PDB file of all heavy atoms in Angstrom:
ATOM      1  N   GLY A   1      58.154 111.763 128.087  1.00  0.00           N
ATOM      2  CA  GLY A   1      58.799 111.254 129.285  1.00  0.00           C
ATOM      3  C   GLY A   1      59.716 110.097 128.927  1.00  0.00           C
ATOM      4  O   GLY A   1      59.636 109.511 127.840  1.00  0.00           O
ATOM      5  N   LYS A   2      60.565 109.738 129.871  1.00  0.00           N
ATOM      6  CA  LYS A   2      61.562 108.708 129.630  1.00  0.00           C
ATOM      7  C   LYS A   2      60.925 107.366 129.264  1.00  0.00           C
ATOM      8  O   LYS A   2      61.343 106.713 128.306  1.00  0.00           O
ATOM      9  CB  LYS A   2      62.441 108.548 130.868  1.00  0.00           C
ATOM     10  CG  LYS A   2      63.533 107.522 130.711  1.00  0.00           C
ATOM     11  CD  LYS A   2      64.360 107.400 131.972  1.00  0.00           C
ATOM     12  CE  LYS A   2      65.387 106.292 131.813  1.00  0.00           C
ATOM     13  NZ  LYS A   2      66.093 106.048 133.069  1.00  0.00           N
ATOM     14  N   ASP A   3      59.906 106.927 130.012  1.00  0.00           N
ATOM     15  CA  ASP A   3      59.292 105.620 129.745  1.00  0.00           C
ATOM     16  C   ASP A   3      58.649 105.576 128.364  1.00  0.00           C
ATOM     17  O   ASP A   3      58.773 104.589 127.647  1.00  0.00           O
ATOM     18  CB  ASP A   3      58.246 105.275 130.806  1.00  0.00           C
ATOM     19  CG  ASP A   3      58.881 104.859 132.129  1.00  0.00           C
ATOM     20  OD1 ASP A   3      60.122 104.768 132.203  1.00  0.00           O
ATOM     21  OD2 ASP A   3      58.114 104.625 133.098  1.00  0.00           O
ATOM     22  N   LEU A   4      57.943 106.636 127.965  1.00  0.00           N
ATOM     23  CA  LEU A   4      57.318 106.677 126.650  1.00  0.00           C
ATOM     24  C   LEU A   4      58.375 106.646 125.551  1.00  0.00           C
ATOM     25  O   LEU A   4      58.262 105.912 124.578  1.00  0.00           O
ATOM     26  CB  LEU A   4      56.433 107.918 126.501  1.00  0.00           C
ATOM     27  CG  LEU A   4      55.786 108.122 125.136  1.00  0.00           C
ATOM     28  CD1 LEU A   4      54.909 106.929 124.757  1.00  0.00           C
ATOM     29  CD2 LEU A   4      54.976 109.409 125.114  1.00  0.00           C
ATOM     30  N   ARG A   5      59.418 107.437 125.721  1.00  0.00           N
ATOM     31  CA  ARG A   5      60.494 107.487 124.729  1.00  0.00           C
ATOM     32  C   ARG A   5      61.135 106.106 124.563  1.00  0.00           C
ATOM     33  O   ARG A   5      61.369 105.643 123.445  1.00  0.00           O
ATOM     34  CB  ARG A   5      61.534 108.514 125.176  1.00  0.00           C
ATOM     35  CG  ARG A   5      62.325 109.135 124.092  1.00  0.00           C
ATOM     36  CD  ARG A   5      63.190 110.327 124.515  1.00  0.00           C
ATOM     37  NE  ARG A   5      63.614 110.388 125.890  1.00  0.00           N
ATOM     38  CZ  ARG A   5      63.105 111.224 126.809  1.00  0.00           C
ATOM     39  NH1 ARG A   5      62.143 112.056 126.496  1.00  0.00           N
ATOM     40  NH2 ARG A   5      63.561 111.220 128.045  1.00  0.00           N
ATOM     41  N   GLU A   6      61.378 105.418 125.685  1.00  0.00           N
ATOM     42  CA  GLU A   6      61.975 104.080 125.615  1.00  0.00           C
ATOM     43  C   GLU A   6      61.026 103.093 124.942  1.00  0.00           C
ATOM     44  O   GLU A   6      61.455 102.266 124.140  1.00  0.00           O
ATOM     45  CB  GLU A   6      62.341 103.593 127.017  1.00  0.00           C
ATOM     46  CG  GLU A   6      63.541 104.305 127.596  1.00  0.00           C
ATOM     47  CD  GLU A   6      63.823 103.942 129.045  1.00  0.00           C
ATOM     48  OE1 GLU A   6      63.044 103.160 129.650  1.00  0.00           O
ATOM     49  OE2 GLU A   6      64.822 104.442 129.578  1.00  0.00           O
ATOM     50  N   ARG A   7      59.733 103.201 125.248  1.00  0.00           N
ATOM     51  CA  ARG A   7      58.752 102.285 124.640  1.00  0.00           C
ATOM     52  C   ARG A   7      58.680 102.488 123.128  1.00  0.00           C
ATOM     53  O   ARG A   7      58.569 101.532 122.365  1.00  0.00           O
ATOM     54  CB  ARG A   7      57.389 102.514 125.273  1.00  0.00           C
ATOM     55  CG  ARG A   7      56.359 101.542 124.808  1.00  0.00           C
ATOM     56  CD  ARG A   7      55.086 101.681 125.594  1.00  0.00           C
ATOM     57  NE  ARG A   7      54.163 100.642 125.190  1.00  0.00           N
ATOM     58  CZ  ARG A   7      53.011 100.422 125.750  1.00  0.00           C
ATOM     59  NH1 ARG A   7      52.636 101.165 126.763  1.00  0.00           N
ATOM     60  NH2 ARG A   7      52.228  99.472 125.323  1.00  0.00           N
ATOM     61  N   LEU A   8      58.734 103.729 122.700  1.00  0.00           N
ATOM     62  CA  LEU A   8      58.670 104.023 121.274  1.00  0.00           C
ATOM     63  C   LEU A   8      59.901 103.549 120.526  1.00  0.00           C
ATOM     64  O   LEU A   8      59.826 103.252 119.333  1.00  0.00           O
ATOM     65  CB  LEU A   8      58.501 105.530 121.043  1.00  0.00           C
ATOM     66  CG  LEU A   8      57.193 106.146 121.525  1.00  0.00           C
ATOM     67  CD1 LEU A   8      57.233 107.653 121.355  1.00  0.00           C
ATOM     68  CD2 LEU A   8      56.013 105.553 120.796  1.00  0.00           C
ATOM     69  N   ASN A   9      61.012 103.453 121.225  1.00  0.00           N
ATOM     70  CA  ASN A   9      62.267 103.084 120.571  1.00  0.00           C
ATOM     71  C   ASN A   9      62.671 101.634 120.782  1.00  0.00           C
ATOM     72  O   ASN A   9      63.784 101.248 120.438  1.00  0.00           O
ATOM     73  CB  ASN A   9      63.387 104.023 121.028  1.00  0.00           C
ATOM     74  CG  ASN A   9      63.192 105.399 120.447  1.00  0.00           C
ATOM     75  OD1 ASN A   9      63.158 105.563 119.236  1.00  0.00           O
ATOM     76  ND2 ASN A   9      63.023 106.384 121.306  1.00  0.00           N
ATOM     77  N   GLN A  10      61.777 100.802 121.314  1.00  0.00           N
ATOM     78  CA  GLN A  10      62.045  99.376 121.436  1.00  0.00           C
ATOM     79  C   GLN A  10      62.033  98.761 120.041  1.00  0.00           C
ATOM     80  O   GLN A  10      61.236  99.177 119.196  1.00  0.00           O
ATOM     81  CB  GLN A  10      60.977  98.693 122.286  1.00  0.00           C
ATOM     82  CG  GLN A  10      61.052  99.013 123.744  1.00  0.00           C
ATOM     83  CD  GLN A  10      59.905  98.384 124.517  1.00  0.00           C
ATOM     84  OE1 GLN A  10      58.963  97.845 123.956  1.00  0.00           O
ATOM     85  NE2 GLN A  10      59.993  98.466 125.830  1.00  0.00           N
ATOM     86  N   PRO A  11      62.865  97.770 119.804  1.00  0.00           N
ATOM     87  CA  PRO A  11      62.833  97.101 118.497  1.00  0.00           C
ATOM     88  C   PRO A  11      61.439  96.540 118.211  1.00  0.00           C
ATOM     89  O   PRO A  11      60.838  95.911 119.061  1.00  0.00           O
ATOM     90  CB  PRO A  11      63.856  95.971 118.659  1.00  0.00           C
ATOM     91  CG  PRO A  11      64.751  96.417 119.767  1.00  0.00           C
ATOM     92  CD  PRO A  11      63.888  97.249 120.686  1.00  0.00           C
ATOM     93  N   GLY A  12      60.917  96.836 117.026  1.00  0.00           N
ATOM     94  CA  GLY A  12      59.610  96.335 116.624  1.00  0.00           C
ATOM     95  C   GLY A  12      58.425  97.132 117.128  1.00  0.00           C
ATOM     96  O   GLY A  12      57.292  96.812 116.807  1.00  0.00           O
ATOM     97  N   ALA A  13      58.650  98.177 117.925  1.00  0.00           N
ATOM     98  CA  ALA A  13      57.538  98.969 118.460  1.00  0.00           C
ATOM     99  C   ALA A  13      56.803  99.671 117.336  1.00  0.00           C
ATOM    100  O   ALA A  13      57.399 100.318 116.491  1.00  0.00           O
ATOM    101  CB  ALA A  13      58.055  99.999 119.458  1.00  0.00           C
ATOM    102  N   GLY A  14      55.497  99.496 117.290  1.00  0.00           N
ATOM    103  CA  GLY A  14      54.665 100.187 116.316  1.00  0.00           C
ATOM    104  C   GLY A  14      54.597  99.545 114.953  1.00  0.00           C
ATOM    105  O   GLY A  14      53.768  99.906 114.151  1.00  0.00           O
ATOM    106  N   SER A  15      55.433  98.567 114.663  1.00  0.00           N
ATOM    107  CA  SER A  15      55.439  97.997 113.316  1.00  0.00           C
ATOM    108  C   SER A  15      54.191  97.168 113.037  1.00  0.00           C
ATOM    109  O   SER A  15      53.737  97.099 111.912  1.00  0.00           O
ATOM    110  CB  SER A  15      56.687  97.146 113.100  1.00  0.00           C
ATOM    111  OG  SER A  15      56.714  96.064 114.008  1.00  0.00           O
ATOM    112  N   ALA A  16      53.592  96.566 114.058  1.00  0.00           N
ATOM    113  CA  ALA A  16      52.400  95.743 113.843  1.00  0.00           C
ATOM    114  C   ALA A  16      51.243  96.576 113.328  1.00  0.00           C
ATOM    115  O   ALA A  16      50.531  96.167 112.421  1.00  0.00           O
ATOM    116  CB  ALA A  16      52.015  95.037 115.138  1.00  0.00           C
ATOM    117  N   ALA A  17      51.073  97.778 113.895  1.00  0.00           N
ATOM    118  CA  ALA A  17      49.968  98.637 113.458  1.00  0.00           C
ATOM    119  C   ALA A  17      50.151  99.057 112.009  1.00  0.00           C
ATOM    120  O   ALA A  17      49.213  99.043 111.225  1.00  0.00           O
ATOM    121  CB  ALA A  17      49.878  99.866 114.358  1.00  0.00           C
ATOM    122  N   VAL A  18      51.362  99.392 111.640  1.00  0.00           N
ATOM    123  CA  VAL A  18      51.623  99.812 110.268  1.00  0.00           C
ATOM    124  C   VAL A  18      51.439  98.640 109.319  1.00  0.00           C
ATOM    125  O   VAL A  18      50.811  98.751 108.280  1.00  0.00           O
ATOM    126  CB  VAL A  18      53.050 100.410 110.142  1.00  0.00           C
ATOM    127  CG1 VAL A  18      53.393 100.668 108.691  1.00  0.00           C
ATOM    128  CG2 VAL A  18      53.149 101.697 110.935  1.00  0.00           C
ATOM    129  N   ASP A  19      51.973  97.458 109.692  1.00  0.00           N
ATOM    130  CA  ASP A  19      51.853  96.279 108.834  1.00  0.00           C
ATOM    131  C   ASP A  19      50.393  95.876 108.654  1.00  0.00           C
ATOM    132  O   ASP A  19      49.966  95.527 107.568  1.00  0.00           O
ATOM    133  CB  ASP A  19      52.643  95.110 109.415  1.00  0.00           C
ATOM    134  CG  ASP A  19      54.141  95.333 109.311  1.00  0.00           C
ATOM    135  OD1 ASP A  19      54.564  96.209 108.533  1.00  0.00           O
ATOM    136  OD2 ASP A  19      54.872  94.628 110.022  1.00  0.00           O
ATOM    137  N   ASP A  20      49.586  95.935 109.732  1.00  0.00           N
ATOM    138  CA  ASP A  20      48.168  95.590 109.628  1.00  0.00           C
ATOM    139  C   ASP A  20      47.449  96.513 108.676  1.00  0.00           C
ATOM    140  O   ASP A  20      46.655  96.080 107.860  1.00  0.00           O
ATOM    141  CB  ASP A  20      47.482  95.653 111.001  1.00  0.00           C
ATOM    142  CG  ASP A  20      47.875  94.509 111.903  1.00  0.00           C
ATOM    143  OD1 ASP A  20      48.448  93.524 111.388  1.00  0.00           O
ATOM    144  OD2 ASP A  20      47.615  94.588 113.114  1.00  0.00           O
ATOM    145  N   ASN A  21      47.729  97.812 108.774  1.00  0.00           N
ATOM    146  CA  ASN A  21      47.068  98.763 107.896  1.00  0.00           C
ATOM    147  C   ASN A  21      47.506  98.609 106.445  1.00  0.00           C
ATOM    148  O   ASN A  21      46.716  98.745 105.530  1.00  0.00           O
ATOM    149  CB  ASN A  21      47.313 100.201 108.367  1.00  0.00           C
ATOM    150  CG  ASN A  21      46.504 100.513 109.612  1.00  0.00           C
ATOM    151  OD1 ASN A  21      45.470  99.887 109.867  1.00  0.00           O
ATOM    152  ND2 ASN A  21      46.978 101.467 110.389  1.00  0.00           N
ATOM    153  N   ASN A  22      48.769  98.312 106.236  1.00  0.00           N
ATOM    154  CA  ASN A  22      49.246  98.128 104.869  1.00  0.00           C
ATOM    155  C   ASN A  22      48.636  96.883 104.242  1.00  0.00           C
ATOM    156  O   ASN A  22      48.314  96.877 103.072  1.00  0.00           O
ATOM    157  CB  ASN A  22      50.791  98.021 104.845  1.00  0.00           C
ATOM    158  CG  ASN A  22      51.435  99.355 105.074  1.00  0.00           C
ATOM    159  OD1 ASN A  22      50.799 100.386 104.925  1.00  0.00           O
ATOM    160  ND2 ASN A  22      52.696  99.350 105.455  1.00  0.00           N
ATOM    161  N   SER A  23      48.468  95.818 105.012  1.00  0.00           N
ATOM    162  CA  SER A  23      47.897  94.597 104.448  1.00  0.00           C
ATOM    163  C   SER A  23      46.427  94.804 104.096  1.00  0.00           C
ATOM    164  O   SER A  23      45.927  94.214 103.159  1.00  0.00           O
ATOM    165  CB  SER A  23      48.061  93.422 105.408  1.00  0.00           C
ATOM    166  OG  SER A  23      47.331  93.648 106.604  1.00  0.00           O
ATOM    167  N   ASN A  24      45.723  95.661 104.836  1.00  0.00           N
ATOM    168  CA  ASN A  24      44.324  95.950 104.524  1.00  0.00           C
ATOM    169  C   ASN A  24      44.190  96.738 103.241  1.00  0.00           C
ATOM    170  O   ASN A  24      43.190  96.643 102.545  1.00  0.00           O
ATOM    171  CB  ASN A  24      43.654  96.709 105.669  1.00  0.00           C
ATOM    172  CG  ASN A  24      43.457  95.842 106.894  1.00  0.00           C
ATOM    173  OD1 ASN A  24      43.460  94.614 106.790  1.00  0.00           O
ATOM    174  ND2 ASN A  24      43.306  96.465 108.045  1.00  0.00           N
ATOM    175  N   ASP A  25      45.184  97.548 102.931  1.00  0.00           N
ATOM    176  CA  ASP A  25      45.138  98.373 101.722  1.00  0.00           C
ATOM    177  C   ASP A  25      45.249  97.531 100.456  1.00  0.00           C
ATOM    178  O   ASP A  25      44.826  97.939  99.386  1.00  0.00           O
ATOM    179  CB  ASP A  25      46.260  99.414 101.719  1.00  0.00           C
ATOM    180  CG  ASP A  25      46.050 100.482 102.787  1.00  0.00           C
ATOM    181  OD1 ASP A  25      44.906 100.619 103.279  1.00  0.00           O
ATOM    182  OD2 ASP A  25      47.026 101.171 103.093  1.00  0.00           O
TER     183      ASP A  25
END
């Protein structure tokens, strides 16, 4: 849907989860 697509494409969206997992590795 439009709202989900916009949320996924916001600057910085999702990067915290990836960065947290990479730092744990």
